[in-house]
Amino acid sequence: MATTRSKAKRPASKSAKIKAMAKKAVPARKAPASKSNAKTARTSSARDEQFLSYSGKFTVRLPRSLHQALVDRAEKEGVSLNLFVTNALSRTVAVPSARRK
């Protein structure tokens, strides 16, 4: 007796899903009536969609001495190199909430 297998679709890869979502058009919105309403016109979902095109990964070339210093400092603080560098970059680039416009 032969059994029939159902051909289930394989789930799309994460990167394929992100690419598909990024290709979807975002509907145009009405222009805000005044500058005070401009901030409320931007929604968190629109910001979230903007970040879908970024993978969160990039390669950085740096001197071996800096690499060693970063590894030593991360070990001293008891965190991974990835977490240490992420925190260092965040502190450098982040804007304090009181100064955001």
PDB file of N, CA and C in Angstrom:
ATOM      1  N   MET A   1       0.831  -1.161   0.000  1.00  0.00           N
ATOM      2  CA  MET A   1       0.000   0.000   0.000  1.00  0.00           C
ATOM      3  C   MET A   1       0.884   1.236   0.000  1.00  0.00           C
ATOM      4  N   ALA A   2       0.703   2.100  -0.964  1.00  0.00           N
ATOM      5  CA  ALA A   2       1.513   3.317  -1.096  1.00  0.00           C
ATOM      6  C   ALA A   2       0.855   4.446  -0.326  1.00  0.00           C
ATOM      7  N   THR A   3       1.667   5.169   0.394  1.00  0.00           N
ATOM      8  CA  THR A   3       1.133   6.320   1.121  1.00  0.00           C
ATOM      9  C   THR A   3       1.397   7.576   0.317  1.00  0.00           C
ATOM     10  N   THR A   4       0.482   8.481   0.406  1.00  0.00           N
ATOM     11  CA  THR A   4       0.623   9.741  -0.314  1.00  0.00           C
ATOM     12  C   THR A   4       1.088  10.817   0.658  1.00  0.00           C
ATOM     13  N   ARG A   5       2.168  11.453   0.313  1.00  0.00           N
ATOM     14  CA  ARG A   5       2.666  12.546   1.149  1.00  0.00           C
ATOM     15  C   ARG A   5       2.072  13.851   0.660  1.00  0.00           C
ATOM     16  N   SER A   6       1.645  14.645   1.598  1.00  0.00           N
ATOM     17  CA  SER A   6       1.159  15.965   1.196  1.00  0.00           C
ATOM     18  C   SER A   6       2.370  16.865   1.003  1.00  0.00           C
ATOM     19  N   LYS A   7       2.311  17.650  -0.022  1.00  0.00           N
ATOM     20  CA  LYS A   7       3.420  18.540  -0.309  1.00  0.00           C
ATOM     21  C   LYS A   7       3.194  19.857   0.422  1.00  0.00           C
ATOM     22  N   ALA A   8       3.731  19.925   1.606  1.00  0.00           N
ATOM     23  CA  ALA A   8       3.599  21.154   2.390  1.00  0.00           C
ATOM     24  C   ALA A   8       4.683  22.123   1.937  1.00  0.00           C
ATOM     25  N   LYS A   9       4.316  23.379   1.865  1.00  0.00           N
ATOM     26  CA  LYS A   9       5.295  24.384   1.490  1.00  0.00           C
ATOM     27  C   LYS A   9       6.300  24.555   2.616  1.00  0.00           C
ATOM     28  N   ARG A  10       7.550  24.730   2.242  1.00  0.00           N
ATOM     29  CA  ARG A  10       8.578  24.993   3.231  1.00  0.00           C
ATOM     30  C   ARG A  10       8.415  26.436   3.701  1.00  0.00           C
ATOM     31  N   PRO A  11       8.610  26.670   4.976  1.00  0.00           N
ATOM     32  CA  PRO A  11       8.513  28.054   5.432  1.00  0.00           C
ATOM     33  C   PRO A  11       9.622  28.895   4.804  1.00  0.00           C
ATOM     34  N   ALA A  12       9.272  30.108   4.445  1.00  0.00           N
ATOM     35  CA  ALA A  12      10.255  30.995   3.828  1.00  0.00           C
ATOM     36  C   ALA A  12      11.318  31.362   4.840  1.00  0.00           C
ATOM     37  N   SER A  13      12.512  31.579   4.354  1.00  0.00           N
ATOM     38  CA  SER A  13      13.590  31.958   5.257  1.00  0.00           C
ATOM     39  C   SER A  13      13.317  33.344   5.825  1.00  0.00           C
ATOM     40  N   LYS A  14      13.980  33.659   6.924  1.00  0.00           N
ATOM     41  CA  LYS A  14      13.774  34.937   7.590  1.00  0.00           C
ATOM     42  C   LYS A  14      14.134  36.094   6.665  1.00  0.00           C
ATOM     43  N   SER A  15      15.242  35.951   5.939  1.00  0.00           N
ATOM     44  CA  SER A  15      15.648  37.035   5.043  1.00  0.00           C
ATOM     45  C   SER A  15      14.658  37.199   3.891  1.00  0.00           C
ATOM     46  N   ALA A  16      14.080  36.092   3.425  1.00  0.00           N
ATOM     47  CA  ALA A  16      13.090  36.178   2.353  1.00  0.00           C
ATOM     48  C   ALA A  16      11.838  36.894   2.839  1.00  0.00           C
ATOM     49  N   LYS A  17      11.452  36.615   4.091  1.00  0.00           N
ATOM     50  CA  LYS A  17      10.280  37.290   4.660  1.00  0.00           C
ATOM     51  C   LYS A  17      10.532  38.785   4.783  1.00  0.00           C
ATOM     52  N   ILE A  18      11.723  39.156   5.240  1.00  0.00           N
ATOM     53  CA  ILE A  18      12.055  40.566   5.409  1.00  0.00           C
ATOM     54  C   ILE A  18      12.059  41.280   4.070  1.00  0.00           C
ATOM     55  N   LYS A  19      12.643  40.638   3.045  1.00  0.00           N
ATOM     56  CA  LYS A  19      12.670  41.242   1.718  1.00  0.00           C
ATOM     57  C   LYS A  19      11.266  41.425   1.173  1.00  0.00           C
ATOM     58  N   ALA A  20      10.412  40.431   1.388  1.00  0.00           N
ATOM     59  CA  ALA A  20       9.043  40.515   0.895  1.00  0.00           C
ATOM     60  C   ALA A  20       8.289  41.640   1.592  1.00  0.00           C
ATOM     61  N   MET A  21       8.512  41.777   2.903  1.00  0.00           N
ATOM     62  CA  MET A  21       7.831  42.826   3.652  1.00  0.00           C
ATOM     63  C   MET A  21       8.329  44.207   3.241  1.00  0.00           C
ATOM     64  N   ALA A  22       9.623  44.314   2.935  1.00  0.00           N
ATOM     65  CA  ALA A  22      10.197  45.602   2.541  1.00  0.00           C
ATOM     66  C   ALA A  22       9.671  46.046   1.181  1.00  0.00           C
ATOM     67  N   LYS A  23       9.324  45.079   0.318  1.00  0.00           N
ATOM     68  CA  LYS A  23       8.834  45.411  -1.011  1.00  0.00           C
ATOM     69  C   LYS A  23       7.398  45.922  -1.001  1.00  0.00           C
ATOM     70  N   LYS A  24       6.652  45.588   0.046  1.00  0.00           N
ATOM     71  CA  LYS A  24       5.263  46.022   0.106  1.00  0.00           C
ATOM     72  C   LYS A  24       5.210  47.541   0.193  1.00  0.00           C
ATOM     73  N   ALA A  25       4.330  48.109  -0.567  1.00  0.00           N
ATOM     74  CA  ALA A  25       4.208  49.568  -0.576  1.00  0.00           C
ATOM     75  C   ALA A  25       3.515  50.047   0.688  1.00  0.00           C
ATOM     76  N   VAL A  26       4.017  51.125   1.223  1.00  0.00           N
ATOM     77  CA  VAL A  26       3.401  51.745   2.386  1.00  0.00           C
ATOM     78  C   VAL A  26       2.433  52.788   1.862  1.00  0.00           C
ATOM     79  N   PRO A  27       1.160  52.724   2.264  1.00  0.00           N
ATOM     80  CA  PRO A  27       0.193  53.689   1.746  1.00  0.00           C
ATOM     81  C   PRO A  27       0.563  55.115   2.148  1.00  0.00           C
ATOM     82  N   ALA A  28       0.318  56.042   1.226  1.00  0.00           N
ATOM     83  CA  ALA A  28       0.619  57.449   1.495  1.00  0.00           C
ATOM     84  C   ALA A  28      -0.342  57.984   2.548  1.00  0.00           C
ATOM     85  N   ARG A  29       0.152  58.906   3.350  1.00  0.00           N
ATOM     86  CA  ARG A  29      -0.673  59.526   4.383  1.00  0.00           C
ATOM     87  C   ARG A  29      -0.909  60.982   4.039  1.00  0.00           C
ATOM     88  N   LYS A  30      -1.990  61.513   4.594  1.00  0.00           N
ATOM     89  CA  LYS A  30      -2.268  62.926   4.418  1.00  0.00           C
ATOM     90  C   LYS A  30      -1.223  63.742   5.147  1.00  0.00           C
ATOM     91  N   ALA A  31      -0.894  64.890   4.593  1.00  0.00           N
ATOM     92  CA  ALA A  31       0.055  65.777   5.251  1.00  0.00           C
ATOM     93  C   ALA A  31      -0.582  66.330   6.514  1.00  0.00           C
ATOM     94  N   PRO A  32       0.176  66.441   7.596  1.00  0.00           N
ATOM     95  CA  PRO A  32      -0.383  66.969   8.831  1.00  0.00           C
ATOM     96  C   PRO A  32      -0.823  68.416   8.660  1.00  0.00           C
ATOM     97  N   ALA A  33      -1.851  68.801   9.383  1.00  0.00           N
ATOM     98  CA  ALA A  33      -2.414  70.138   9.272  1.00  0.00           C
ATOM     99  C   ALA A  33      -1.458  71.197   9.802  1.00  0.00           C
ATOM    100  N   SER A  34      -0.720  70.875  10.848  1.00  0.00           N
ATOM    101  CA  SER A  34       0.207  71.844  11.418  1.00  0.00           C
ATOM    102  C   SER A  34       1.461  71.138  11.889  1.00  0.00           C
ATOM    103  N   LYS A  35       2.471  71.925  12.257  1.00  0.00           N
ATOM    104  CA  LYS A  35       3.720  71.334  12.718  1.00  0.00           C
ATOM    105  C   LYS A  35       3.514  70.574  14.017  1.00  0.00           C
ATOM    106  N   SER A  36       2.587  70.995  14.850  1.00  0.00           N
ATOM    107  CA  SER A  36       2.364  70.299  16.118  1.00  0.00           C
ATOM    108  C   SER A  36       1.827  68.892  15.898  1.00  0.00           C
ATOM    109  N   ASN A  37       1.139  68.673  14.782  1.00  0.00           N
ATOM    110  CA  ASN A  37       0.611  67.344  14.475  1.00  0.00           C
ATOM    111  C   ASN A  37       1.617  66.481  13.725  1.00  0.00           C
ATOM    112  N   ALA A  38       2.725  67.059  13.298  1.00  0.00           N
ATOM    113  CA  ALA A  38       3.701  66.324  12.499  1.00  0.00           C
ATOM    114  C   ALA A  38       4.285  65.154  13.269  1.00  0.00           C
ATOM    115  N   LYS A  39       4.517  65.338  14.556  1.00  0.00           N
ATOM    116  CA  LYS A  39       5.089  64.260  15.361  1.00  0.00           C
ATOM    117  C   LYS A  39       4.122  63.098  15.501  1.00  0.00           C
ATOM    118  N   THR A  40       2.857  63.384  15.651  1.00  0.00           N
ATOM    119  CA  THR A  40       1.880  62.310  15.819  1.00  0.00           C
ATOM    120  C   THR A  40       1.607  61.591  14.516  1.00  0.00           C
ATOM    121  N   ALA A  41       1.917  62.232  13.372  1.00  0.00           N
ATOM    122  CA  ALA A  41       1.681  61.590  12.077  1.00  0.00           C
ATOM    123  C   ALA A  41       2.627  60.419  11.873  1.00  0.00           C
ATOM    124  N   ARG A  42       3.826  60.503  12.450  1.00  0.00           N
ATOM    125  CA  ARG A  42       4.775  59.403  12.337  1.00  0.00           C
ATOM    126  C   ARG A  42       4.428  58.334  13.361  1.00  0.00           C
ATOM    127  N   THR A  43       4.121  57.157  12.896  1.00  0.00           N
ATOM    128  CA  THR A  43       3.743  56.090  13.820  1.00  0.00           C
ATOM    129  C   THR A  43       4.898  55.149  14.043  1.00  0.00           C
ATOM    130  N   SER A  44       4.830  54.410  15.121  1.00  0.00           N
ATOM    131  CA  SER A  44       5.895  53.449  15.405  1.00  0.00           C
ATOM    132  C   SER A  44       5.929  52.353  14.348  1.00  0.00           C
ATOM    133  N   SER A  45       4.783  52.005  13.777  1.00  0.00           N
ATOM    134  CA  SER A  45       4.789  50.952  12.764  1.00  0.00           C
ATOM    135  C   SER A  45       5.535  51.396  11.510  1.00  0.00           C
ATOM    136  N   ALA A  46       5.441  52.667  11.161  1.00  0.00           N
ATOM    137  CA  ALA A  46       6.181  53.168  10.002  1.00  0.00           C
ATOM    138  C   ALA A  46       7.674  53.108  10.277  1.00  0.00           C
ATOM    139  N   ARG A  47       8.083  53.435  11.503  1.00  0.00           N
ATOM    140  CA  ARG A  47       9.499  53.349  11.861  1.00  0.00           C
ATOM    141  C   ARG A  47       9.953  51.901  11.856  1.00  0.00           C
ATOM    142  N   ASP A  48       9.107  51.002  12.348  1.00  0.00           N
ATOM    143  CA  ASP A  48       9.454  49.587  12.368  1.00  0.00           C
ATOM    144  C   ASP A  48       9.658  49.053  10.950  1.00  0.00           C
ATOM    145  N   GLU A  49       8.808  49.459  10.022  1.00  0.00           N
ATOM    146  CA  GLU A  49       8.926  49.004   8.645  1.00  0.00           C
ATOM    147  C   GLU A  49      10.216  49.505   8.014  1.00  0.00           C
ATOM    148  N   GLN A  50      10.658  50.696   8.407  1.00  0.00           N
ATOM    149  CA  GLN A  50      11.885  51.259   7.870  1.00  0.00           C
ATOM    150  C   GLN A  50      13.080  50.382   8.223  1.00  0.00           C
ATOM    151  N   PHE A  51      13.095  49.805   9.409  1.00  0.00           N
ATOM    152  CA  PHE A  51      14.227  49.017   9.866  1.00  0.00           C
ATOM    153  C   PHE A  51      14.263  47.608   9.285  1.00  0.00           C
ATOM    154  N   LEU A  52      13.213  47.182   8.609  1.00  0.00           N
ATOM    155  CA  LEU A  52      13.184  45.835   8.047  1.00  0.00           C
ATOM    156  C   LEU A  52      14.245  45.629   6.976  1.00  0.00           C
ATOM    157  N   SER A  53      14.713  46.713   6.357  1.00  0.00           N
ATOM    158  CA  SER A  53      15.714  46.571   5.301  1.00  0.00           C
ATOM    159  C   SER A  53      17.124  46.412   5.857  1.00  0.00           C
ATOM    160  N   TYR A  54      17.287  46.499   7.177  1.00  0.00           N
ATOM    161  CA  TYR A  54      18.604  46.346   7.796  1.00  0.00           C
ATOM    162  C   TYR A  54      18.709  44.978   8.463  1.00  0.00           C
ATOM    163  N   SER A  55      19.846  44.308   8.252  1.00  0.00           N
ATOM    164  CA  SER A  55      20.017  42.963   8.801  1.00  0.00           C
ATOM    165  C   SER A  55      20.519  42.987  10.241  1.00  0.00           C
ATOM    166  N   GLY A  56      21.128  44.093  10.647  1.00  0.00           N
ATOM    167  CA  GLY A  56      21.713  44.153  11.976  1.00  0.00           C
ATOM    168  C   GLY A  56      23.134  43.609  12.004  1.00  0.00           C
ATOM    169  N   LYS A  57      23.692  43.375  10.833  1.00  0.00           N
ATOM    170  CA  LYS A  57      25.049  42.840  10.736  1.00  0.00           C
ATOM    171  C   LYS A  57      25.849  43.682   9.761  1.00  0.00           C
ATOM    172  N   PHE A  58      27.126  43.908  10.086  1.00  0.00           N
ATOM    173  CA  PHE A  58      28.051  44.510   9.149  1.00  0.00           C
ATOM    174  C   PHE A  58      29.467  44.151   9.565  1.00  0.00           C
ATOM    175  N   THR A  59      30.385  44.203   8.624  1.00  0.00           N
ATOM    176  CA  THR A  59      31.767  43.831   8.886  1.00  0.00           C
ATOM    177  C   THR A  59      32.595  45.091   9.043  1.00  0.00           C
ATOM    178  N   VAL A  60      33.432  45.094  10.056  1.00  0.00           N
ATOM    179  CA  VAL A  60      34.306  46.232  10.306  1.00  0.00           C
ATOM    180  C   VAL A  60      35.751  45.742  10.316  1.00  0.00           C
ATOM    181  N   ARG A  61      36.595  46.409   9.545  1.00  0.00           N
ATOM    182  CA  ARG A  61      38.017  46.100   9.577  1.00  0.00           C
ATOM    183  C   ARG A  61      38.668  47.087  10.528  1.00  0.00           C
ATOM    184  N   LEU A  62      39.488  46.564  11.434  1.00  0.00           N
ATOM    185  CA  LEU A  62      40.160  47.425  12.389  1.00  0.00           C
ATOM    186  C   LEU A  62      41.530  46.865  12.700  1.00  0.00           C
ATOM    187  N   PRO A  63      42.397  47.690  13.264  1.00  0.00           N
ATOM    188  CA  PRO A  63      43.743  47.209  13.571  1.00  0.00           C
ATOM    189  C   PRO A  63      43.703  46.069  14.589  1.00  0.00           C
ATOM    190  N   ARG A  64      44.650  45.159  14.483  1.00  0.00           N
ATOM    191  CA  ARG A  64      44.704  44.015  15.396  1.00  0.00           C
ATOM    192  C   ARG A  64      44.837  44.473  16.841  1.00  0.00           C
ATOM    193  N   SER A  65      45.581  45.553  17.054  1.00  0.00           N
ATOM    194  CA  SER A  65      45.762  46.055  18.418  1.00  0.00           C
ATOM    195  C   SER A  65      44.438  46.518  19.016  1.00  0.00           C
ATOM    196  N   LEU A  66      43.586  47.157  18.214  1.00  0.00           N
ATOM    197  CA  LEU A  66      42.271  47.588  18.697  1.00  0.00           C
ATOM    198  C   LEU A  66      41.384  46.378  18.964  1.00  0.00           C
ATOM    199  N   HIS A  67      41.439  45.394  18.075  1.00  0.00           N
ATOM    200  CA  HIS A  67      40.669  44.167  18.261  1.00  0.00           C
ATOM    201  C   HIS A  67      41.052  43.522  19.599  1.00  0.00           C
ATOM    202  N   GLN A  68      42.349  43.408  19.849  1.00  0.00           N
ATOM    203  CA  GLN A  68      42.818  42.814  21.094  1.00  0.00           C
ATOM    204  C   GLN A  68      42.345  43.621  22.305  1.00  0.00           C
ATOM    205  N   ALA A  69      42.430  44.948  22.205  1.00  0.00           N
ATOM    206  CA  ALA A  69      41.998  45.803  23.315  1.00  0.00           C
ATOM    207  C   ALA A  69      40.504  45.636  23.585  1.00  0.00           C
ATOM    208  N   LEU A  70      39.714  45.510  22.532  1.00  0.00           N
ATOM    209  CA  LEU A  70      38.263  45.330  22.693  1.00  0.00           C
ATOM    210  C   LEU A  70      37.954  43.983  23.349  1.00  0.00           C
ATOM    211  N   VAL A  71      38.647  42.935  22.914  1.00  0.00           N
ATOM    212  CA  VAL A  71      38.442  41.604  23.493  1.00  0.00           C
ATOM    213  C   VAL A  71      38.832  41.611  24.970  1.00  0.00           C
ATOM    214  N   ASP A  72      39.990  42.218  25.283  1.00  0.00           N
ATOM    215  CA  ASP A  72      40.445  42.281  26.677  1.00  0.00           C
ATOM    216  C   ASP A  72      39.440  43.030  27.557  1.00  0.00           C
ATOM    217  N   ARG A  73      38.940  44.145  27.054  1.00  0.00           N
ATOM    218  CA  ARG A  73      37.994  44.951  27.828  1.00  0.00           C
ATOM    219  C   ARG A  73      36.671  44.211  28.021  1.00  0.00           C
ATOM    220  N   ALA A  74      36.206  43.524  26.983  1.00  0.00           N
ATOM    221  CA  ALA A  74      34.956  42.755  27.086  1.00  0.00           C
ATOM    222  C   ALA A  74      35.104  41.643  28.115  1.00  0.00           C
ATOM    223  N   GLU A  75      36.245  40.946  28.088  1.00  0.00           N
ATOM    224  CA  GLU A  75      36.485  39.884  29.067  1.00  0.00           C
ATOM    225  C   GLU A  75      36.547  40.453  30.482  1.00  0.00           C
ATOM    226  N   LYS A  76      37.182  41.602  30.641  1.00  0.00           N
ATOM    227  CA  LYS A  76      37.292  42.259  31.942  1.00  0.00           C
ATOM    228  C   LYS A  76      35.907  42.594  32.504  1.00  0.00           C
ATOM    229  N   GLU A  77      34.996  43.012  31.613  1.00  0.00           N
ATOM    230  CA  GLU A  77      33.637  43.364  32.031  1.00  0.00           C
ATOM    231  C   GLU A  77      32.714  42.150  32.080  1.00  0.00           C
ATOM    232  N   GLY A  78      33.205  41.004  31.630  1.00  0.00           N
ATOM    233  CA  GLY A  78      32.417  39.772  31.703  1.00  0.00           C
ATOM    234  C   GLY A  78      31.283  39.691  30.706  1.00  0.00           C
ATOM    235  N   VAL A  79      31.471  40.315  29.535  1.00  0.00           N
ATOM    236  CA  VAL A  79      30.444  40.275  28.491  1.00  0.00           C
ATOM    237  C   VAL A  79      31.081  39.820  27.184  1.00  0.00           C
ATOM    238  N   SER A  80      30.248  39.486  26.220  1.00  0.00           N
ATOM    239  CA  SER A  80      30.764  39.085  24.911  1.00  0.00           C
ATOM    240  C   SER A  80      31.315  40.307  24.177  1.00  0.00           C
ATOM    241  N   LEU A  81      32.169  40.046  23.208  1.00  0.00           N
ATOM    242  CA  LEU A  81      32.712  41.127  22.388  1.00  0.00           C
ATOM    243  C   LEU A  81      31.575  41.834  21.661  1.00  0.00           C
ATOM    244  N   ASN A  82      30.620  41.075  21.166  1.00  0.00           N
ATOM    245  CA  ASN A  82      29.475  41.653  20.458  1.00  0.00           C
ATOM    246  C   ASN A  82      28.712  42.620  21.356  1.00  0.00           C
ATOM    247  N   LEU A  83      28.404  42.199  22.571  1.00  0.00           N
ATOM    248  CA  LEU A  83      27.651  43.057  23.489  1.00  0.00           C
ATOM    249  C   LEU A  83      28.464  44.289  23.872  1.00  0.00           C
ATOM    250  N   PHE A  84      29.749  44.098  24.111  1.00  0.00           N
ATOM    251  CA  PHE A  84      30.595  45.224  24.491  1.00  0.00           C
ATOM    252  C   PHE A  84      30.628  46.283  23.386  1.00  0.00           C
ATOM    253  N   VAL A  85      30.855  45.849  22.138  1.00  0.00           N
ATOM    254  CA  VAL A  85      30.925  46.785  21.020  1.00  0.00           C
ATOM    255  C   VAL A  85      29.562  47.431  20.778  1.00  0.00           C
ATOM    256  N   THR A  86      28.492  46.661  20.872  1.00  0.00           N
ATOM    257  CA  THR A  86      27.152  47.217  20.696  1.00  0.00           C
ATOM    258  C   THR A  86      26.879  48.309  21.718  1.00  0.00           C
ATOM    259  N   ASN A  87      27.214  48.049  22.970  1.00  0.00           N
ATOM    260  CA  ASN A  87      27.010  49.052  24.018  1.00  0.00           C
ATOM    261  C   ASN A  87      27.860  50.291  23.787  1.00  0.00           C
ATOM    262  N   ALA A  88      29.117  50.090  23.396  1.00  0.00           N
ATOM    263  CA  ALA A  88      30.012  51.222  23.147  1.00  0.00           C
ATOM    264  C   ALA A  88      29.490  52.085  21.998  1.00  0.00           C
ATOM    265  N   LEU A  89      29.047  51.449  20.928  1.00  0.00           N
ATOM    266  CA  LEU A  89      28.497  52.202  19.804  1.00  0.00           C
ATOM    267  C   LEU A  89      27.203  52.912  20.190  1.00  0.00           C
ATOM    268  N   SER A  90      26.371  52.254  20.976  1.00  0.00           N
ATOM    269  CA  SER A  90      25.114  52.858  21.406  1.00  0.00           C
ATOM    270  C   SER A  90      25.363  54.113  22.234  1.00  0.00           C
ATOM    271  N   ARG A  91      26.333  54.036  23.131  1.00  0.00           N
ATOM    272  CA  ARG A  91      26.645  55.212  23.953  1.00  0.00           C
ATOM    273  C   ARG A  91      27.171  56.355  23.096  1.00  0.00           C
ATOM    274  N   THR A  92      27.877  56.046  22.035  1.00  0.00           N
ATOM    275  CA  THR A  92      28.464  57.072  21.176  1.00  0.00           C
ATOM    276  C   THR A  92      27.428  57.714  20.261  1.00  0.00           C
ATOM    277  N   VAL A  93      26.513  56.925  19.744  1.00  0.00           N
ATOM    278  CA  VAL A  93      25.575  57.401  18.736  1.00  0.00           C
ATOM    279  C   VAL A  93      24.245  57.858  19.326  1.00  0.00           C
ATOM    280  N   ALA A  94      23.845  57.289  20.431  1.00  0.00           N
ATOM    281  CA  ALA A  94      22.519  57.561  20.998  1.00  0.00           C
ATOM    282  C   ALA A  94      22.359  59.030  21.373  1.00  0.00           C
ATOM    283  N   VAL A  95      21.130  59.517  21.176  1.00  0.00           N
ATOM    284  CA  VAL A  95      20.785  60.883  21.538  1.00  0.00           C
ATOM    285  C   VAL A  95      19.993  60.819  22.850  1.00  0.00           C
ATOM    286  N   PRO A  96      20.375  61.596  23.857  1.00  0.00           N
ATOM    287  CA  PRO A  96      19.606  61.585  25.106  1.00  0.00           C
ATOM    288  C   PRO A  96      18.148  61.951  24.839  1.00  0.00           C
ATOM    289  N   SER A  97      17.238  61.316  25.536  1.00  0.00           N
ATOM    290  CA  SER A  97      15.801  61.509  25.274  1.00  0.00           C
ATOM    291  C   SER A  97      15.350  62.944  25.476  1.00  0.00           C
ATOM    292  N   ALA A  98      15.978  63.707  26.363  1.00  0.00           N
ATOM    293  CA  ALA A  98      15.591  65.081  26.607  1.00  0.00           C
ATOM    294  C   ALA A  98      15.930  65.976  25.413  1.00  0.00           C
ATOM    295  N   ARG A  99      16.897  65.574  24.593  1.00  0.00           N
ATOM    296  CA  ARG A  99      17.327  66.401  23.473  1.00  0.00           C
ATOM    297  C   ARG A  99      16.660  66.019  22.166  1.00  0.00           C
ATOM    298  N   ARG A 100      15.913  64.914  22.139  1.00  0.00           N
ATOM    299  CA  ARG A 100      15.254  64.471  20.905  1.00  0.00           C
ATOM    300  C   ARG A 100      14.186  65.452  20.511  1.00  0.00           C
ATOM    301  N   LYS A 101      14.013  65.594  19.221  1.00  0.00           N
ATOM    302  CA  LYS A 101      12.976  66.511  18.716  1.00  0.00           C
ATOM    303  C   LYS A 101      11.929  65.745  17.971  1.00  0.00           C
TER     304      LYS A 101
END
